[in-house]
Amino acid sequence: MSTLVWIILTSLLGGLMSIFFAAILTLNTRSSWVSMLVSYAIGALLGAAFLNTLPEALELSEDPKQITIIVLLGILLFFILEKLVLWRHCHMDECEVHDPEHGRSIYEIQGDHGRSGLMITLGDTFHNFVDGILIAAAFMVDVQLGIVTAIAIFAHEVPQEAGDFIILLNSGYSRTQALLLNLLSSTAAVIGGVLAYFMLQQLNHLVLPMLAIATACMIYVAMADLIPSLHKRPEIGATIQQVVLISLGIGSIWLVETMLKHSH
């Protein structure tokens, strides 16, 4: 097969397989479990941000401060984006932030109307695009290296995709919508791979900022949208459960990263 065909097939199959395995882990989850598993999703997001995308960006960068600045700007960007979504809904008949009948936060009675799901899908799209570039770069050096790189990316995507599914379900999306959004996001890997095949030198300049933006998105969604919802259950039993599940989310990312390093 030609290098381009290898890039397209591995980018496509890698994305589909990671989503398939993540879906098996999460889509049969009972609705009552979704809010509980948000803690795992928080851990998976923070683990992916601090153990995968941020270290990768810092390793590739000659100026680590530049990466941290982009991450900070990215967090500000997602804050503004969320404000715009809130503003849009608050100018409609039903305000998203406050329940007009009871004067209390609408988060107390339902999800966040898709905001966290929308932003995590956007961040995951950036991440998948970069993965496609990395796969293409590896295949353009050697086919065997490309296959190993694609397998490594597939492996670390599974726990993160599982977390994304939980976030989408918790954010109010149906199981079908969550699956379709993840499938749509995964196509960014194919686009990144094909573009990199034809213009790798130009796209190389995008890898660092896109990794930083993906990092910012994961941190923002975990810290701003998901963690505050955990504080609604302050009892000690719920707190212990949340800490354990957050640790499991982080641990799953760490375990995959460690196994991949040893396999290399």
Protein backbone atom coordinates (compact mmCIF):
# COMPACT_ATOMS: atom_id res chain seq x y z
CA MET A 1 0.00 0.00 0.00
CA SER A 2 1.08 3.57 -0.55
CA THR A 3 2.03 5.77 2.41
CA LEU A 4 -1.10 7.90 1.95
CA VAL A 5 -3.37 4.82 2.08
CA TRP A 6 -1.62 3.66 5.26
CA ILE A 7 -2.17 7.08 6.82
CA ILE A 8 -5.86 7.19 5.92
CA LEU A 9 -6.60 3.62 7.01
CA THR A 10 -4.78 3.78 10.34
CA SER A 11 -6.17 7.22 11.22
CA LEU A 12 -9.70 6.08 10.39
CA LEU A 13 -9.51 2.64 11.97
CA GLY A 14 -7.68 3.93 15.05
CA GLY A 15 -10.37 6.53 15.70
CA LEU A 16 -13.23 4.09 15.08
CA MET A 17 -11.71 1.38 17.27
CA SER A 18 -10.97 3.73 20.19
CA ILE A 19 -14.57 5.01 20.04
CA PHE A 20 -15.89 1.44 19.74
CA PHE A 21 -14.05 0.25 22.86
CA ALA A 22 -14.93 3.43 24.77
CA ALA A 23 -18.58 2.97 23.77
CA ILE A 24 -18.57 -0.63 25.05
CA LEU A 25 -17.26 0.66 28.38
CA THR A 26 -19.75 3.50 28.75
CA LEU A 27 -22.86 3.35 26.55
CA ASN A 28 -24.42 0.48 28.49
CA THR A 29 -24.02 2.47 31.68
CA ARG A 30 -27.24 3.01 33.60
CA SER A 31 -28.51 6.59 33.54
CA SER A 32 -28.29 6.71 37.35
CA TRP A 33 -24.57 5.93 37.12
CA VAL A 34 -23.72 8.74 34.70
CA SER A 35 -23.51 11.50 37.32
CA MET A 36 -21.36 9.24 39.50
CA LEU A 37 -19.00 8.40 36.63
CA VAL A 38 -18.47 12.11 35.94
CA SER A 39 -15.77 11.82 38.64
CA TYR A 40 -13.97 9.24 36.47
CA ALA A 41 -14.33 11.55 33.46
CA ILE A 42 -12.72 14.38 35.44
CA GLY A 43 -9.77 12.15 36.25
CA ALA A 44 -9.44 10.99 32.64
CA LEU A 45 -9.48 14.59 31.39
CA LEU A 46 -6.92 15.83 33.92
CA GLY A 47 -4.76 12.76 33.32
CA ALA A 48 -4.85 13.26 29.56
CA ALA A 49 -4.03 16.96 29.96
CA PHE A 50 -1.18 16.67 32.48
CA LEU A 51 0.24 13.26 31.55
CA ASN A 52 -0.18 13.29 27.76
CA THR A 53 -0.87 16.47 25.78
CA LEU A 54 0.94 19.01 27.98
CA PRO A 55 4.15 16.95 28.44
CA GLU A 56 4.13 16.18 24.71
CA ALA A 57 3.84 19.88 23.86
CA LEU A 58 6.55 20.85 26.36
CA GLU A 59 8.86 18.14 25.03
CA LEU A 60 8.49 19.37 21.47
CA SER A 61 8.78 23.06 22.34
CA GLU A 62 12.01 25.04 22.54
CA ASP A 63 10.24 27.60 24.74
CA PRO A 64 8.06 25.96 27.45
CA LYS A 65 6.79 29.37 28.55
CA GLN A 66 5.20 29.82 25.12
CA ILE A 67 3.18 26.63 25.67
CA THR A 68 1.98 27.69 29.11
CA ILE A 69 0.93 31.08 27.72
CA ILE A 70 -1.13 29.36 24.99
CA VAL A 71 -2.72 27.11 27.62
CA LEU A 72 -3.68 30.17 29.69
CA LEU A 73 -5.08 31.94 26.63
CA GLY A 74 -6.94 28.75 25.71
CA ILE A 75 -8.59 28.61 29.15
CA LEU A 76 -9.64 32.25 28.72
CA LEU A 77 -10.95 31.44 25.23
CA PHE A 78 -13.13 28.59 26.51
CA PHE A 79 -14.40 30.81 29.34
CA ILE A 80 -15.47 33.42 26.77
CA LEU A 81 -17.02 30.72 24.58
CA GLU A 82 -19.07 29.40 27.49
CA LYS A 83 -20.18 32.95 28.37
CA LEU A 84 -21.37 33.47 24.78
CA VAL A 85 -23.39 30.25 24.92
CA LEU A 86 -24.90 31.34 28.26
CA TRP A 87 -25.66 34.80 26.86
CA ARG A 88 -27.40 33.25 23.86
CA HIS A 89 -29.63 31.07 26.02
CA CYS A 90 -30.41 33.85 28.50
CA HIS A 91 -31.83 35.93 25.66
CA MET A 92 -34.28 33.18 24.83
CA ASP A 93 -37.53 32.40 26.63
CA GLU A 94 -35.89 30.00 29.07
CA CYS A 95 -32.66 31.22 30.63
CA GLU A 96 -30.07 28.49 30.98
CA VAL A 97 -28.46 29.87 34.12
CA HIS A 98 -31.50 30.44 36.34
CA ASP A 99 -34.77 28.67 36.76
CA PRO A 100 -37.21 31.57 36.48
CA GLU A 101 -39.84 29.85 38.62
CA HIS A 102 -37.66 29.04 41.56
CA GLY A 103 -34.79 31.47 41.25
CA ARG A 104 -32.17 28.80 41.69
CA SER A 105 -29.44 27.44 39.47
CA ILE A 106 -30.83 25.21 36.77
CA TYR A 107 -27.87 22.89 37.34
CA GLU A 108 -29.68 21.69 40.45
CA ILE A 109 -32.45 20.14 38.38
CA GLN A 110 -30.88 19.18 35.05
CA GLY A 111 -27.66 19.08 33.02
CA ASP A 112 -25.76 21.96 31.50
CA HIS A 113 -27.68 22.00 28.18
CA GLY A 114 -24.73 20.58 26.28
CA ARG A 115 -22.13 23.25 27.03
CA SER A 116 -19.44 21.02 28.54
CA GLY A 117 -20.15 18.38 25.87
CA LEU A 118 -19.80 20.96 23.12
CA MET A 119 -16.48 22.23 24.44
CA ILE A 120 -14.97 18.81 25.10
CA THR A 121 -15.89 17.79 21.54
CA LEU A 122 -14.16 20.91 20.24
CA GLY A 123 -11.04 20.20 22.28
CA ASP A 124 -11.05 16.53 21.26
CA THR A 125 -11.25 17.60 17.60
CA PHE A 126 -8.05 19.63 18.00
CA HIS A 127 -6.42 16.66 19.71
CA ASN A 128 -7.49 14.21 16.99
CA PHE A 129 -6.22 16.56 14.28
CA VAL A 130 -2.79 16.60 15.93
CA ASP A 131 -2.88 12.80 16.28
CA GLY A 132 -3.46 12.57 12.52
CA ILE A 133 -0.42 14.78 11.87
CA LEU A 134 1.73 12.63 14.19
CA ILE A 135 0.59 9.41 12.48
CA ALA A 136 1.35 10.85 9.04
CA ALA A 137 4.79 12.07 10.14
CA ALA A 138 5.62 8.60 11.49
CA PHE A 139 4.48 6.80 8.32
CA MET A 140 6.50 9.19 6.16
CA VAL A 141 9.59 8.03 8.04
CA ASP A 142 8.83 4.30 8.14
CA VAL A 143 5.69 2.14 7.81
CA GLN A 144 6.52 0.09 10.91
CA LEU A 145 7.02 3.26 12.96
CA GLY A 146 3.69 4.55 11.65
CA ILE A 147 1.86 1.38 12.75
CA VAL A 148 3.43 1.52 16.22
CA THR A 149 2.54 5.21 16.54
CA ALA A 150 -1.06 4.57 15.46
CA ILE A 151 -1.42 1.73 18.00
CA ALA A 152 0.01 3.95 20.75
CA ILE A 153 -2.43 6.76 19.92
CA PHE A 154 -5.33 4.30 19.81
CA ALA A 155 -4.38 2.90 23.23
CA HIS A 156 -4.23 6.24 25.03
CA GLU A 157 -7.43 7.44 23.33
CA VAL A 158 -9.66 4.70 24.80
CA PRO A 159 -9.84 5.93 28.44
CA GLN A 160 -10.08 9.55 27.29
CA GLU A 161 -12.89 8.75 24.84
CA ALA A 162 -14.70 6.88 27.63
CA GLY A 163 -14.51 10.03 29.73
CA ASP A 164 -15.79 12.10 26.80
CA PHE A 165 -18.81 9.81 26.42
CA ILE A 166 -19.67 10.24 30.10
CA ILE A 167 -19.36 14.02 29.81
CA LEU A 168 -21.62 14.12 26.74
CA LEU A 169 -24.26 11.96 28.46
CA ASN A 170 -24.06 14.07 31.61
CA SER A 171 -24.30 17.21 29.48
CA GLY A 172 -27.70 16.14 28.18
CA TYR A 173 -26.87 14.40 24.90
CA SER A 174 -28.52 11.08 24.07
CA ARG A 175 -26.39 7.96 23.64
CA THR A 176 -26.81 8.16 19.85
CA GLN A 177 -25.83 11.85 19.81
CA ALA A 178 -22.79 11.14 21.99
CA LEU A 179 -21.67 8.39 19.61
CA LEU A 180 -22.19 10.54 16.51
CA LEU A 181 -20.33 13.52 18.01
CA ASN A 182 -17.35 11.33 18.87
CA LEU A 183 -17.38 9.80 15.40
CA LEU A 184 -17.48 13.27 13.85
CA SER A 185 -14.61 14.42 16.05
CA SER A 186 -12.54 11.36 15.09
CA THR A 187 -12.61 12.36 11.41
CA ALA A 188 -10.26 15.21 12.32
CA ALA A 189 -7.47 12.62 12.59
CA VAL A 190 -7.98 11.59 8.97
CA ILE A 191 -8.05 15.24 7.86
CA GLY A 192 -4.89 15.99 9.84
CA GLY A 193 -3.14 12.94 8.41
CA VAL A 194 -4.01 13.70 4.79
CA LEU A 195 -3.08 17.38 5.09
CA ALA A 196 0.20 16.44 6.78
CA TYR A 197 1.04 14.06 3.93
CA PHE A 198 0.87 16.93 1.44
CA MET A 199 2.11 19.82 3.60
CA LEU A 200 3.83 18.42 6.69
CA GLN A 201 6.32 21.28 7.06
CA GLN A 202 3.58 23.90 7.22
CA LEU A 203 1.40 21.87 9.61
CA ASN A 204 4.30 21.19 11.96
CA HIS A 205 3.89 24.75 13.20
CA LEU A 206 0.31 23.94 14.26
CA VAL A 207 1.13 20.90 16.40
CA LEU A 208 2.29 22.80 19.49
CA PRO A 209 -0.51 25.40 19.69
CA MET A 210 -3.17 22.76 18.98
CA LEU A 211 -1.81 20.47 21.70
CA ALA A 212 -1.82 23.45 24.07
CA ILE A 213 -5.41 24.36 23.12
CA ALA A 214 -6.54 20.75 23.60
CA THR A 215 -4.85 20.81 27.03
CA ALA A 216 -6.61 24.06 27.93
CA CYS A 217 -9.98 22.62 26.92
CA MET A 218 -9.57 19.49 29.04
CA ILE A 219 -8.44 21.48 32.08
CA TYR A 220 -11.22 24.05 31.69
CA VAL A 221 -14.05 21.53 31.28
CA ALA A 222 -12.81 19.43 34.21
CA MET A 223 -12.24 22.35 36.59
CA ALA A 224 -14.95 24.83 35.57
CA ASP A 225 -17.85 22.64 34.43
CA LEU A 226 -17.52 19.25 36.10
CA ILE A 227 -15.80 19.64 39.50
CA PRO A 228 -18.30 22.28 40.76
CA SER A 229 -21.11 19.74 40.22
CA LEU A 230 -19.37 17.35 42.63
CA HIS A 231 -19.66 19.88 45.46
CA LYS A 232 -23.44 19.40 45.44
CA ARG A 233 -22.78 16.14 47.31
CA PRO A 234 -20.61 17.24 50.27
CA GLU A 235 -21.26 14.17 52.46
CA ILE A 236 -18.17 12.16 53.36
CA GLY A 237 -19.28 8.96 51.58
CA ALA A 238 -19.87 10.79 48.30
CA THR A 239 -16.57 12.63 48.66
CA ILE A 240 -14.63 9.39 49.12
CA GLN A 241 -16.39 7.89 46.10
CA GLN A 242 -15.54 10.96 44.00
CA VAL A 243 -11.87 10.94 45.01
CA VAL A 244 -11.57 7.22 44.23
CA LEU A 245 -13.16 7.62 40.79
CA ILE A 246 -11.07 10.71 39.94
CA SER A 247 -7.98 8.72 40.93
CA LEU A 248 -9.11 5.81 38.75
CA GLY A 249 -9.54 8.19 35.80
CA ILE A 250 -6.04 9.60 36.27
CA GLY A 251 -4.67 6.14 36.92
CA SER A 252 -6.10 4.70 33.70
CA ILE A 253 -4.32 7.37 31.66
CA TRP A 254 -1.09 6.90 33.65
CA LEU A 255 -1.25 3.11 33.23
CA VAL A 256 -1.66 3.33 29.46
CA GLU A 257 1.13 5.92 29.15
CA THR A 258 3.45 3.76 31.27
CA MET A 259 2.71 0.61 29.27
CA LEU A 260 3.34 2.43 26.00
CA LYS A 261 6.68 3.78 27.24
CA HIS A 262 7.81 0.30 28.28
CA SER A 263 6.69 -1.18 24.94
CA HIS A 264 8.81 1.42 23.11
